[in-house]
Protein backbone atom coordinates (compact mmCIF):
# COMPACT_ATOMS: atom_id res chain seq x y z
CA ALA A 1 16.32 -2.67 -42.45
CA GLY A 2 14.43 -5.65 -43.77
CA ARG A 3 17.04 -8.06 -42.40
CA VAL A 4 17.44 -6.55 -38.94
CA ALA A 5 16.14 -8.97 -36.31
CA GLN A 6 13.91 -7.65 -33.55
CA GLY A 7 12.29 -9.88 -30.95
CA GLY A 8 12.80 -12.99 -33.13
CA SER A 9 11.35 -11.29 -36.26
CA THR A 10 12.63 -8.85 -38.85
CA ILE A 11 11.52 -5.24 -38.64
CA THR A 12 9.35 -5.87 -41.69
CA GLN A 13 7.64 -8.76 -39.94
CA GLN A 14 7.09 -6.61 -36.86
CA LEU A 15 5.49 -3.95 -39.04
CA VAL A 16 3.26 -6.51 -40.76
CA LYS A 17 2.25 -8.01 -37.41
CA ASN A 18 1.35 -4.63 -35.93
CA ARG A 19 -0.56 -3.32 -38.93
CA LEU A 20 -1.98 -6.34 -40.73
CA VAL A 21 -2.11 -9.71 -38.95
CA GLY A 22 -2.17 -9.03 -35.19
CA PRO A 23 -0.10 -10.59 -32.35
CA ARG A 24 -1.90 -13.90 -31.89
CA ARG A 25 0.63 -16.76 -31.93
CA THR A 26 -0.41 -19.50 -34.34
CA PHE A 27 1.46 -21.36 -37.06
CA GLY A 28 -0.92 -20.05 -39.74
CA ARG A 29 -0.48 -16.46 -38.58
CA LYS A 30 3.30 -16.86 -38.68
CA LEU A 31 3.20 -18.16 -42.27
CA ARG A 32 0.93 -15.31 -43.34
CA GLU A 33 3.21 -12.80 -41.64
CA ALA A 34 6.30 -14.15 -43.45
CA TRP A 35 4.53 -14.10 -46.84
CA LEU A 36 3.27 -10.52 -46.37
CA ALA A 37 6.71 -9.40 -45.17
CA ALA A 38 8.28 -10.77 -48.34
CA VAL A 39 5.72 -8.88 -50.44
CA VAL A 40 6.37 -5.63 -48.55
CA GLU A 41 10.15 -5.97 -48.93
CA TRP A 42 9.78 -6.64 -52.67
CA ARG A 43 7.46 -3.63 -53.12
CA TYR A 44 9.02 -0.94 -50.87
CA PRO A 45 12.59 0.31 -50.23
CA LYS A 46 14.18 -0.42 -46.86
CA GLU A 47 14.21 3.23 -45.83
CA GLN A 48 10.44 3.52 -46.31
CA ILE A 49 9.82 0.30 -44.36
CA LEU A 50 11.95 1.56 -41.50
CA GLU A 51 10.14 4.91 -41.48
CA ALA A 52 6.75 3.18 -41.37
CA TYR A 53 7.96 0.94 -38.55
CA LEU A 54 9.29 3.85 -36.50
CA ASN A 55 6.01 5.72 -36.96
CA ASP A 56 4.02 2.73 -35.67
CA VAL A 57 6.19 0.94 -33.08
CA TYR A 58 4.75 0.69 -29.57
CA LEU A 59 6.81 2.65 -27.03
CA GLY A 60 4.97 2.29 -23.75
CA GLN A 61 2.28 4.32 -22.00
CA ARG A 62 1.89 7.88 -20.79
CA GLY A 63 -1.15 8.14 -18.60
CA SER A 64 -3.92 6.04 -20.10
CA GLN A 65 -2.71 6.44 -23.70
CA ALA A 66 -0.57 3.95 -25.61
CA ILE A 67 2.38 5.65 -27.34
CA ARG A 68 2.91 4.59 -30.93
CA GLY A 69 5.78 5.94 -32.98
CA VAL A 70 8.95 7.84 -32.12
CA SER A 71 7.35 11.25 -32.74
CA SER A 72 4.67 10.58 -30.14
CA ALA A 73 7.28 9.15 -27.77
CA ALA A 74 9.52 12.23 -28.14
CA ARG A 75 6.61 14.49 -27.19
CA ALA A 76 5.29 12.21 -24.42
CA TYR A 77 8.58 11.52 -22.64
CA PHE A 78 10.65 14.63 -23.37
CA GLY A 79 8.19 17.29 -24.52
CA LYS A 80 10.11 17.67 -27.78
CA GLU A 81 9.81 17.02 -31.49
CA VAL A 82 12.00 14.27 -32.95
CA HIS A 83 14.51 16.68 -34.49
CA GLN A 84 15.02 18.31 -31.06
CA LEU A 85 16.08 15.13 -29.29
CA THR A 86 19.62 14.80 -27.97
CA LEU A 87 21.75 11.80 -28.86
CA ALA A 88 21.11 10.33 -25.40
CA GLU A 89 17.35 10.76 -25.69
CA SER A 90 17.31 9.20 -29.15
CA ALA A 91 19.32 6.22 -27.91
CA LEU A 92 16.94 5.81 -24.98
CA LEU A 93 13.92 5.62 -27.30
CA ALA A 94 15.73 3.18 -29.57
CA GLY A 95 16.54 0.99 -26.58
CA MET A 96 12.90 0.91 -25.47
CA VAL A 97 11.77 -0.94 -28.61
CA ARG A 98 12.76 -4.35 -27.22
CA ALA A 99 10.57 -4.03 -24.07
CA PRO A 100 8.81 -0.65 -23.87
CA ASN A 101 7.47 -0.92 -20.33
CA SER A 102 10.55 -2.65 -18.94
CA TYR A 103 12.80 0.14 -20.22
CA SER A 104 10.36 3.02 -19.67
CA PRO A 105 12.13 6.10 -18.23
CA VAL A 106 9.02 6.74 -16.13
CA ILE A 107 8.64 3.27 -14.62
CA ASN A 108 12.34 2.49 -14.19
CA PRO A 109 14.73 5.37 -15.00
CA GLU A 110 17.82 3.39 -13.96
CA ARG A 111 16.99 0.43 -16.19
CA ALA A 112 16.21 2.86 -19.03
CA ARG A 113 19.60 4.53 -18.54
CA GLN A 114 21.41 1.19 -18.61
CA ARG A 115 19.62 0.17 -21.80
CA ARG A 116 20.40 3.57 -23.36
CA ASP A 117 24.09 3.08 -22.59
CA VAL A 118 24.02 -0.32 -24.33
CA VAL A 119 22.69 1.37 -27.47
CA LEU A 120 25.33 4.13 -27.25
CA THR A 121 28.09 1.55 -26.86
CA ARG A 122 26.90 -0.32 -29.92
CA MET A 123 26.72 2.92 -31.93
CA ARG A 124 30.31 3.69 -30.99
CA GLU A 125 31.43 0.17 -31.95
CA LEU A 126 29.78 0.59 -35.35
CA GLY A 127 31.44 3.95 -35.89
CA ARG A 128 28.15 5.90 -35.86
CA ILE A 129 29.33 8.24 -33.10
CA GLY A 130 32.73 9.40 -31.89
CA GLU A 131 34.31 9.02 -28.47
CA ALA A 132 33.47 12.59 -27.39
CA ASP A 133 29.78 12.28 -28.34
CA TYR A 134 29.63 8.89 -26.64
CA ALA A 135 31.09 10.22 -23.38
CA GLN A 136 28.84 13.28 -23.36
CA ALA A 137 25.68 11.24 -24.03
CA ARG A 138 26.58 8.76 -21.26
CA ARG A 139 26.91 11.65 -18.79
CA GLU A 140 23.44 13.00 -19.61
CA ALA A 141 20.88 12.27 -16.90
CA VAL A 142 17.54 10.66 -17.73
CA ARG A 143 14.98 13.45 -17.41
CA VAL A 144 11.33 12.84 -18.27
CA GLN A 145 8.94 15.68 -19.06
CA PRO A 146 5.49 14.36 -18.13
CA ASN A 147 2.94 15.05 -20.81
CA VAL A 148 0.00 15.45 -18.44
CA ARG A 149 -3.23 17.07 -19.52
CA PRO A 150 -5.24 19.03 -16.90
CA GLY A 151 -7.83 16.81 -15.31
CA GLN A 152 -6.10 13.57 -16.32
CA GLY A 153 -6.12 11.52 -13.13
CA ALA A 154 -5.06 8.14 -11.72
CA LEU A 155 -1.60 8.45 -13.27
CA TYR A 156 0.16 6.76 -10.37
CA PHE A 157 -2.32 3.92 -10.72
CA VAL A 158 -1.62 3.68 -14.47
CA ASP A 159 2.10 3.36 -13.73
CA TYR A 160 1.32 0.57 -11.27
CA VAL A 161 -0.77 -1.23 -13.90
CA GLU A 162 2.13 -1.02 -16.36
CA GLN A 163 4.51 -2.50 -13.81
CA GLU A 164 2.08 -5.30 -13.00
CA ILE A 165 1.59 -6.12 -16.68
CA GLU A 166 5.36 -6.30 -17.08
CA GLN A 167 5.63 -8.74 -14.16
CA ARG A 168 2.53 -10.89 -14.68
CA LEU A 169 2.16 -10.70 -18.48
CA PRO A 170 5.65 -10.19 -19.91
CA ASP A 171 4.56 -11.28 -23.40
CA PHE A 172 1.42 -9.10 -23.53
CA ASP A 173 1.48 -6.63 -26.42
CA GLY A 174 -0.34 -3.64 -24.94
CA GLY A 175 0.25 -1.62 -28.06
CA ALA A 176 -1.59 -4.01 -30.37
CA ARG A 177 -4.85 -2.56 -31.64
CA GLY A 178 -7.77 -4.16 -29.87
CA ALA A 179 -5.75 -5.38 -26.88
CA ARG A 180 -7.57 -4.66 -23.63
CA ILE A 181 -6.70 -4.47 -19.96
CA TYR A 182 -9.40 -4.27 -17.29
CA THR A 183 -8.22 -2.80 -14.00
CA THR A 184 -9.49 -2.82 -10.43
CA LEU A 185 -9.77 0.98 -10.18
CA ASP A 186 -13.02 2.46 -8.87
CA LEU A 187 -13.22 5.86 -10.60
CA ALA A 188 -15.48 7.38 -7.94
CA LEU A 189 -13.16 6.30 -5.12
CA GLN A 190 -10.16 7.53 -7.09
CA ARG A 191 -11.75 10.96 -7.44
CA PHE A 192 -12.60 11.00 -3.72
CA ALA A 193 -9.00 10.07 -2.88
CA GLU A 194 -7.41 12.72 -5.11
CA ASN A 195 -9.71 15.45 -3.81
CA ALA A 196 -9.24 14.47 -0.16
CA LEU A 197 -5.46 14.41 -0.47
CA THR A 198 -5.31 17.79 -2.22
CA ARG A 199 -7.68 19.44 0.28
CA GLY A 200 -5.86 17.92 3.25
CA LEU A 201 -2.40 19.12 2.25
CA GLU A 202 -3.65 22.60 1.40
CA ARG A 203 -5.39 22.78 4.78
CA LEU A 204 -2.21 21.74 6.61
CA GLU A 205 -0.11 24.35 4.81
CA ALA A 206 -2.73 27.05 5.40
CA SER A 207 -2.94 26.32 9.13
CA SER A 208 0.83 25.85 9.58
CA PRO A 209 2.84 28.25 7.36
CA ARG A 210 6.08 26.60 8.54
CA LEU A 211 5.14 23.60 6.38
CA ARG A 212 5.15 25.60 3.14
CA ARG A 213 7.99 25.22 0.65
CA GLY A 214 8.67 27.42 -2.37
CA ASP A 215 10.19 24.67 -4.49
CA PRO A 216 7.40 22.36 -5.81
CA THR A 217 9.74 19.37 -5.49
CA GLU A 218 10.18 20.02 -1.76
CA ARG A 219 6.54 20.49 -0.73
CA LEU A 220 4.77 18.45 1.91
CA GLN A 221 3.70 15.14 0.39
CA ALA A 222 1.06 12.50 1.03
CA ALA A 223 -0.03 9.13 -0.30
CA LEU A 224 -3.33 7.26 -0.16
CA ILE A 225 -4.07 3.67 -1.08
CA ALA A 226 -7.40 1.86 -0.74
CA LEU A 227 -7.80 -1.93 -0.99
CA ASP A 228 -10.69 -4.35 -1.24
CA PRO A 229 -10.15 -6.55 1.85
CA THR A 230 -11.63 -9.70 0.32
CA SER A 231 -9.44 -9.71 -2.81
CA GLY A 232 -6.48 -7.40 -2.20
CA ARG A 233 -7.44 -5.38 -5.27
CA VAL A 234 -6.35 -1.75 -5.43
CA VAL A 235 -9.47 0.40 -5.84
CA ALA A 236 -7.86 3.83 -5.39
CA LEU A 237 -4.24 5.00 -5.43
CA VAL A 238 -2.64 8.42 -5.10
CA GLY A 239 1.15 8.34 -4.92
CA GLY A 240 1.77 12.06 -4.34
CA ARG A 241 0.26 15.52 -4.54
CA ASP A 242 1.23 16.28 -8.16
CA TYR A 243 2.27 13.71 -10.74
CA ARG A 244 3.57 16.45 -13.04
CA VAL A 245 6.14 17.44 -10.41
CA SER A 246 7.10 13.96 -9.22
CA GLN A 247 6.27 10.56 -10.62
CA PHE A 248 7.70 8.81 -7.54
CA ASP A 249 4.87 6.67 -6.15
CA ARG A 250 5.04 7.06 -2.39
CA ALA A 251 2.18 4.62 -1.80
CA LEU A 252 4.15 1.78 -3.37
CA GLN A 253 7.81 2.75 -3.19
CA ALA A 254 8.43 5.02 -0.19
CA ARG A 255 10.03 3.30 2.79
CA ARG A 256 9.10 5.06 6.03
CA GLN A 257 8.81 4.23 9.72
CA PRO A 258 5.20 3.30 10.56
CA GLY A 259 5.43 4.46 14.17
CA SER A 260 2.36 3.59 16.24
CA ALA A 261 0.54 2.17 13.20
CA PHE A 262 2.67 -0.95 13.84
CA LYS A 263 1.18 -1.47 17.34
CA PRO A 264 -1.84 -3.58 16.29
CA PHE A 265 0.61 -6.35 15.37
CA VAL A 266 2.05 -6.22 18.90
CA TYR A 267 -1.39 -6.43 20.48
CA MET A 268 -2.51 -9.18 18.11
CA ALA A 269 0.51 -11.21 19.19
CA ALA A 270 -0.43 -10.64 22.84
CA LEU A 271 -4.14 -11.42 22.45
CA ARG A 272 -4.09 -14.48 20.18
CA GLU A 273 -4.06 -18.03 21.43
CA ARG A 274 -0.67 -19.68 21.73
CA ARG A 275 -0.26 -23.24 22.91
CA GLY A 276 -3.85 -23.26 24.17
CA ALA A 277 -3.58 -20.09 26.25
CA VAL A 278 -3.54 -16.31 25.90
CA ALA A 279 -1.14 -13.96 27.61
CA PHE A 280 -3.53 -11.01 27.67
CA THR A 281 -7.17 -10.12 27.08
CA PRO A 282 -8.50 -6.61 26.38
CA ALA A 283 -9.49 -6.43 30.04
CA SER A 284 -6.03 -7.37 31.36
CA PHE A 285 -4.05 -4.67 33.14
CA VAL A 286 -0.60 -3.38 32.30
CA GLU A 287 1.56 -0.69 33.87
CA ASP A 288 2.06 2.50 31.87
CA SER A 289 4.98 4.20 33.57
CA PRO A 290 8.56 5.13 32.61
CA LEU A 291 10.86 2.15 32.11
CA THR A 292 14.36 1.46 30.90
CA VAL A 293 15.30 -1.60 28.85
CA ASP A 294 18.83 -2.88 28.29
CA VAL A 295 19.57 -3.21 24.55
CA ASP A 296 22.95 -4.82 23.95
CA GLY A 297 24.38 -3.13 27.01
CA THR A 298 22.84 0.26 26.22
CA PRO A 299 19.88 1.60 28.23
CA TRP A 300 16.83 2.52 26.15
CA SER A 301 13.74 4.29 27.49
CA PRO A 302 10.52 4.62 25.46
CA ARG A 303 8.63 7.86 25.97
CA ASN A 304 4.90 8.45 25.75
CA TYR A 305 3.57 11.29 23.63
CA GLY A 306 3.86 14.47 25.70
CA ASP A 307 5.70 12.50 28.42
CA ARG A 308 2.33 11.67 29.99
CA TYR A 309 1.97 8.32 31.76
CA GLU A 310 -1.29 6.89 33.07
CA GLY A 311 -0.24 4.19 35.52
CA ARG A 312 -2.29 0.98 35.65
CA VAL A 313 -4.41 0.73 32.48
CA SER A 314 -6.25 -1.96 30.57
CA VAL A 315 -4.81 -3.44 27.39
CA ARG A 316 -7.71 -1.88 25.48
CA HIS A 317 -6.96 1.57 26.88
CA ALA A 318 -3.24 1.19 26.14
CA LEU A 319 -3.94 0.61 22.43
CA GLU A 320 -6.73 3.17 22.17
CA GLN A 321 -4.48 5.88 23.60
CA SER A 322 -1.34 4.52 21.88
CA LEU A 323 0.69 4.35 25.10
CA ASN A 324 4.30 3.52 24.26
CA ALA A 325 5.50 2.41 27.71
CA ALA A 326 2.58 0.03 28.19
CA THR A 327 3.08 -1.39 24.68
CA VAL A 328 6.76 -2.10 25.30
CA ARG A 329 5.88 -3.88 28.57
CA ILE A 330 3.36 -6.08 26.75
CA ALA A 331 5.95 -6.93 24.09
CA GLN A 332 8.56 -7.75 26.72
CA GLU A 333 6.06 -10.06 28.39
CA ILE A 334 5.19 -12.09 25.27
CA GLY A 335 8.65 -11.87 23.68
CA LEU A 336 9.80 -9.89 20.66
CA PRO A 337 10.03 -13.00 18.41
CA ALA A 338 6.28 -13.51 18.90
CA VAL A 339 5.64 -9.97 17.65
CA ILE A 340 7.81 -10.53 14.58
CA GLU A 341 6.12 -13.86 13.87
CA THR A 342 2.67 -12.24 13.99
CA ALA A 343 3.71 -9.27 11.84
CA ARG A 344 5.23 -11.61 9.27
CA GLY A 345 2.11 -13.75 9.21
CA LEU A 346 -0.11 -10.72 8.60
CA GLY A 347 2.03 -9.52 5.71
CA ILE A 348 4.97 -7.38 6.89
CA ALA A 349 7.89 -8.54 4.73
CA SER A 350 10.37 -5.70 5.39
CA PRO A 351 13.33 -6.31 7.72
CA LEU A 352 12.49 -6.48 11.43
CA ARG A 353 14.94 -7.05 14.27
CA PRO A 354 14.00 -8.24 17.79
CA VAL A 355 14.81 -4.98 19.58
CA PRO A 356 12.34 -3.07 21.77
CA ALA A 357 12.09 -0.08 19.38
CA MET A 358 10.66 -2.45 16.77
CA VAL A 359 7.32 -2.62 18.60
CA LEU A 360 6.95 1.17 18.26
CA GLY A 361 7.39 1.04 14.49
CA ALA A 362 11.08 1.90 14.19
CA PHE A 363 11.70 -0.27 11.10
CA GLU A 364 10.70 1.03 7.69
CA VAL A 365 7.85 -0.38 5.59
CA THR A 366 6.05 0.71 2.43
CA PRO A 367 2.50 2.09 2.69
CA VAL A 368 1.04 -0.64 0.50
CA GLU A 369 2.75 -3.26 2.66
CA LEU A 370 1.29 -1.77 5.85
CA ALA A 371 -2.19 -1.46 4.35
CA ALA A 372 -2.08 -5.08 3.17
CA ALA A 373 -1.11 -6.25 6.68
CA TYR A 374 -4.36 -4.74 8.04
CA LEU A 375 -6.48 -6.73 5.57
CA PRO A 376 -6.83 -9.81 7.85
CA PHE A 377 -8.37 -7.62 10.56
CA ALA A 378 -11.05 -6.44 8.10
CA ASN A 379 -11.80 -9.67 6.24
CA GLY A 380 -12.00 -12.21 9.03
CA GLY A 381 -8.39 -13.38 9.19
CA PHE A 382 -7.16 -13.90 5.61
CA LYS A 383 -3.90 -12.61 4.16
CA ALA A 384 -4.40 -11.52 0.54
CA GLY A 385 -2.73 -13.72 -2.04
CA GLU A 386 -1.49 -10.64 -3.87
CA ILE A 387 -2.11 -6.92 -4.14
CA THR A 388 -3.24 -6.39 -7.71
CA ALA A 389 -4.44 -3.67 -10.07
CA VAL A 390 -5.25 -5.89 -13.09
CA ARG A 391 -8.36 -8.07 -13.12
CA ALA A 392 -8.51 -9.21 -16.75
CA ALA A 393 -6.53 -9.02 -20.01
CA TYR A 394 -7.49 -9.72 -23.62
CA GLU A 395 -5.37 -10.02 -26.74
CA SER A 396 -6.20 -8.02 -29.85
CA GLY A 397 -8.08 -11.00 -31.27
CA GLY A 398 -10.42 -11.04 -28.27
CA SER A 399 -9.05 -14.12 -26.52
CA SER A 400 -8.69 -13.89 -22.75
CA ILE A 401 -5.25 -14.19 -21.17
CA GLY A 402 -5.25 -16.34 -18.06
CA LEU A 403 -4.01 -14.52 -14.97
CA ARG A 404 -2.46 -16.62 -12.25
CA GLU A 405 -4.25 -15.84 -9.00
CA VAL A 406 -2.94 -16.62 -5.54
CA ALA A 407 -5.64 -17.66 -3.08
CA PRO A 408 -5.95 -15.85 0.27
CA THR A 409 -4.35 -17.61 3.25
CA PRO A 410 -5.92 -17.82 6.73
CA VAL A 411 -3.46 -16.32 9.22
CA ILE A 412 -5.63 -15.52 12.24
CA SER A 413 -9.05 -16.82 13.29
CA PRO A 414 -12.23 -14.82 12.59
CA ALA A 415 -12.61 -14.36 16.34
CA GLU A 416 -9.08 -12.95 16.66
CA ALA A 417 -9.71 -10.61 13.73
CA TYR A 418 -12.91 -9.37 15.36
CA LEU A 419 -11.15 -8.94 18.71
CA MET A 420 -8.59 -6.62 17.08
CA THR A 421 -11.33 -4.81 15.17
CA SER A 422 -13.16 -4.18 18.44
CA LEU A 423 -10.03 -2.57 19.91
CA LEU A 424 -9.48 -0.45 16.80
CA GLU A 425 -13.13 0.63 16.87
CA GLY A 426 -12.33 1.90 20.35
CA VAL A 427 -9.47 3.95 18.88
CA MET A 428 -12.10 5.74 16.77
CA THR A 429 -14.63 6.29 19.56
CA THR A 430 -12.52 7.21 22.60
CA GLY A 431 -8.89 7.01 21.46
CA THR A 432 -6.45 8.83 19.22
CA GLY A 433 -8.81 8.61 16.22
CA ALA A 434 -11.84 10.09 17.96
CA SER A 435 -11.55 13.40 16.10
CA ALA A 436 -12.94 11.64 12.99
CA ARG A 437 -16.41 11.99 14.53
CA ALA A 438 -16.04 15.76 14.77
CA LEU A 439 -14.98 15.76 11.09
CA GLY A 440 -18.30 14.23 10.08
CA LEU A 441 -17.59 10.50 9.93
CA THR A 442 -20.40 8.77 11.81
CA SER A 443 -20.19 5.26 10.34
CA ALA A 444 -18.74 2.28 12.19
CA VAL A 445 -15.02 2.19 11.34
CA ALA A 446 -11.84 0.82 12.90
CA GLY A 447 -8.34 2.20 12.59
CA LYS A 448 -5.05 3.28 14.07
CA THR A 449 -3.03 6.46 14.03
CA GLY A 450 0.71 6.34 13.46
CA THR A 451 3.23 8.93 14.58
CA THR A 452 7.00 8.57 14.69
CA ASN A 453 8.77 9.97 17.73
CA ASP A 454 10.88 12.31 15.61
CA GLY A 455 7.80 13.82 13.91
CA ARG A 456 8.80 12.89 10.34
CA ASP A 457 5.94 10.55 9.44
CA ALA A 458 2.20 10.74 10.11
CA TRP A 459 -0.10 7.82 9.32
CA PHE A 460 -3.62 6.59 9.53
CA VAL A 461 -4.79 3.10 8.58
CA GLY A 462 -8.48 2.37 8.90
CA TYR A 463 -11.14 0.09 7.55
CA THR A 464 -14.72 -1.10 7.27
CA PRO A 465 -15.75 -4.67 6.36
CA THR A 466 -15.54 -3.67 2.67
CA LEU A 467 -12.59 -1.26 2.42
CA VAL A 468 -9.11 -0.76 3.90
CA ALA A 469 -7.51 2.66 3.35
CA LEU A 470 -4.17 4.13 4.38
CA VAL A 471 -2.86 7.70 4.37
CA TRP A 472 0.74 8.79 4.90
CA VAL A 473 1.94 12.41 5.22
CA GLY A 474 5.54 13.64 5.27
CA PHE A 475 8.39 15.28 3.39
CA ASP A 476 10.34 13.27 0.83
CA SER A 477 13.52 14.68 2.34
CA GLY A 478 12.66 13.36 5.79
CA ASP A 479 12.34 16.86 7.23
CA VAL A 480 10.52 17.04 10.56
CA HIS A 481 6.95 18.33 10.27
CA GLY A 482 6.07 17.68 13.91
CA LEU A 483 2.51 16.52 13.22
CA THR A 484 0.76 13.50 14.69
CA GLY A 485 -1.16 10.98 12.66
CA ALA A 486 -4.39 12.42 14.09
CA GLN A 487 -3.41 15.94 12.99
CA ALA A 488 -2.08 15.24 9.48
CA ALA A 489 -3.24 11.86 8.11
CA LEU A 490 -6.55 11.24 9.87
CA PRO A 491 -8.37 14.30 8.38
CA ILE A 492 -7.44 13.19 4.84
CA TRP A 493 -8.52 9.63 5.57
CA THR A 494 -11.78 10.84 7.13
CA ASP A 495 -12.54 13.08 4.14
CA PHE A 496 -12.00 10.13 1.79
CA MET A 497 -13.99 7.63 3.86
CA ARG A 498 -16.88 10.02 4.46
CA GLN A 499 -17.35 10.48 0.71
CA THR A 500 -16.87 6.76 0.09
CA LEU A 501 -19.38 5.61 2.70
CA ASP A 502 -21.93 8.15 1.48
CA ALA A 503 -21.60 6.66 -2.01
CA TYR A 504 -21.27 3.01 -0.90
CA PRO A 505 -22.91 2.41 2.50
CA GLY A 506 -21.46 -0.75 3.96
CA PRO A 507 -22.24 -3.32 6.64
CA VAL A 508 -21.18 -3.03 10.26
CA PHE A 509 -18.78 -5.34 12.05
CA SER A 510 -20.44 -8.37 13.68
CA ALA A 511 -19.07 -10.88 16.18
CA PRO A 512 -18.28 -14.31 14.65
CA ALA A 513 -18.36 -17.69 16.34
CA GLY A 514 -15.52 -17.97 18.83
CA ALA A 515 -15.87 -14.39 20.11
CA THR A 516 -17.81 -13.53 23.26
CA VAL A 517 -19.22 -10.09 24.04
CA THR A 518 -20.04 -9.55 27.69
CA SER A 519 -20.13 -6.90 30.45
CA ILE A 520 -17.13 -6.30 32.69
CA ASP A 521 -16.28 -4.05 35.58
CA PRO A 522 -13.56 -1.84 34.04
CA THR A 523 -12.14 -1.01 37.47
CA ASN A 524 -10.93 -4.58 37.97
CA GLY A 525 -11.34 -6.26 34.56
CA LYS A 526 -13.72 -8.94 35.88
CA LEU A 527 -17.19 -9.99 34.74
CA ALA A 528 -19.68 -7.47 36.06
CA ASN A 529 -22.53 -8.31 38.41
CA ARG A 530 -25.59 -6.22 39.21
CA TYR A 531 -23.80 -4.48 42.05
CA CYS A 532 -20.85 -3.14 40.02
CA PRO A 533 -21.14 0.67 39.92
CA VAL A 534 -19.52 0.90 36.43
CA THR A 535 -19.81 -1.60 33.60
CA ALA A 536 -18.58 -1.78 30.00
CA ARG A 537 -19.01 -4.17 27.10
CA GLU A 538 -15.89 -6.15 26.22
CA VAL A 539 -14.89 -8.76 23.68
CA PHE A 540 -13.06 -11.98 24.52
CA LEU A 541 -11.97 -15.08 22.70
CA GLN A 542 -14.30 -17.82 23.84
CA GLY A 543 -12.91 -19.46 26.96
CA THR A 544 -10.73 -16.50 27.98
CA GLU A 545 -13.39 -14.55 29.87
CA PRO A 546 -12.26 -13.28 33.30
CA PRO A 547 -13.78 -14.54 36.56
CA PRO A 548 -16.82 -12.77 38.05
CA CYS A 549 -16.31 -9.62 40.09
CA ASP A 550 -15.96 -10.40 43.78
CA GLU A 551 -15.39 -6.82 44.91
CA HIS A 552 -19.02 -5.66 44.65
CA GLY A 553 -22.18 -7.26 46.05
CA GLY A 554 -23.33 -8.65 49.40
CA VAL A 555 -22.69 -11.86 51.29
CA THR A 556 -25.59 -13.61 49.56
CA ASP A 557 -24.09 -12.99 46.12
CA GLN A 558 -20.75 -14.31 47.29
CA VAL A 559 -22.37 -17.48 48.65
CA ILE A 560 -24.24 -18.02 45.38
CA ASP A 561 -21.00 -17.50 43.46
CA TRP A 562 -19.12 -19.94 45.67
CA TRP A 563 -21.89 -22.51 45.24
CA ARG A 564 -21.79 -22.06 41.42
CA ARG A 565 -18.01 -22.57 41.39
CA PHE A 566 -18.35 -25.67 43.61
CA ARG A 567 -21.04 -27.12 41.31
CA ASP A 568 -18.86 -26.45 38.23
CA TRP A 569 -15.94 -28.21 39.94
CA LEU A 570 -18.07 -31.28 40.69
CA SER A 571 -19.25 -31.50 37.09
CA ARG A 572 -15.73 -31.62 35.59
């Protein structure tokens, strides 16, 4: 045992490092480690050294607890004592020693299985096991028995932290005594998120018995992720309704169609300045009526929810009411490549193809990806450098480990971000998200519902200046639940945000330089005068305001308007 190499050191040196000298890498520490290892090998038999090592070796995390020793690992991962482990389970634990979090059966079951099979192959080559035992152990599936105590929360977040440590700090020894990791989690927000998700799913199943499933692994699922818009830090994360049943993190790993939650990227592409001009303003009009588009020789017709069409509507109204036909017409006008370019710039990295169904959210994304793409709307136009759960790390000796940070990138102007926020505030006041008010959310918020046409996915993404939160609801199997984003996801989001804003009251949205707020006549989309019977406040990028209304007012007003235009022409 004393001569077996592990990670560039003998097992004895690993034991000495873990128990006596610590992981700090200095020449003096290495000399001291070698000297102590020689003393230990001279004083103790190899079997006793190996036993001590196996009782102390770091084998990953379960929940918030570091697992040290094979006995603890057997109980944590498999719910067994060491003597109860199968050959395959024993080989899996042995394989984890090299990189506990990389080969964790919770974080990456497939990688853990591959590493286990390497150990089994080596055991067969050394004659430790026969061909029959080898074949049987290889066939055994990797099954983890979560060792979750009642009331132990944020387990999906803990898994995410472990994955991030593996990627950003591959040499960090999390099992060393005194090593510390500081995360971005807000415990109050995490509790709000877990409670809101549990209450929301139970309410849905109580009101719609058809959604109930007897098998816990087949029940209706949900995910919630909340981000700090200025930094991209994860402040709350719930990857499913019960970690003990399923450790699959839907917030980070599920790939689902976003449906109408994708539409803000379409409208941002239409409203932003391109080559010194804009194609649309919120007051522009678009036709919302049935249409058919040729897609590679095949006719395709988008349908509005409930097959209801509203005719000539403003761009603002089209987004607030999530009108599919009007949205497709806008996308056809500006070009599908422009939509893809804008979505990519905001943070959508998943595959997108320039086909009309793309603008209605037909291509799959992950929830965290979609939430991150809304950050520029909330923070004034910046794409987060990275979505992170770790804010600081310290070695056992107390020295800080430098974390590489990626600076945010400006992708849209503050005025463009505010313009979109204004439209999404309208979604919450008069559009598909208006039911949030009836559910008790009175603060100024912006957001968008998402519903897929086949009724498999329900979404809501919303934000304030200090928080972006997303909720997804659906079945893992892809079964149809038939619920809209407003019916399934919005109540959970509202429950979470109501608690959050009660605990952390935040600022309201304010217009930045470059954005103009003025009164228009909504019947014609022009600047209102004192004779217009109906007026509404609207937001424009500076220089894109519409002309004054010439449909209301007397001859005198028209003469004054003509004179003003003539004077402006002379002054050019």
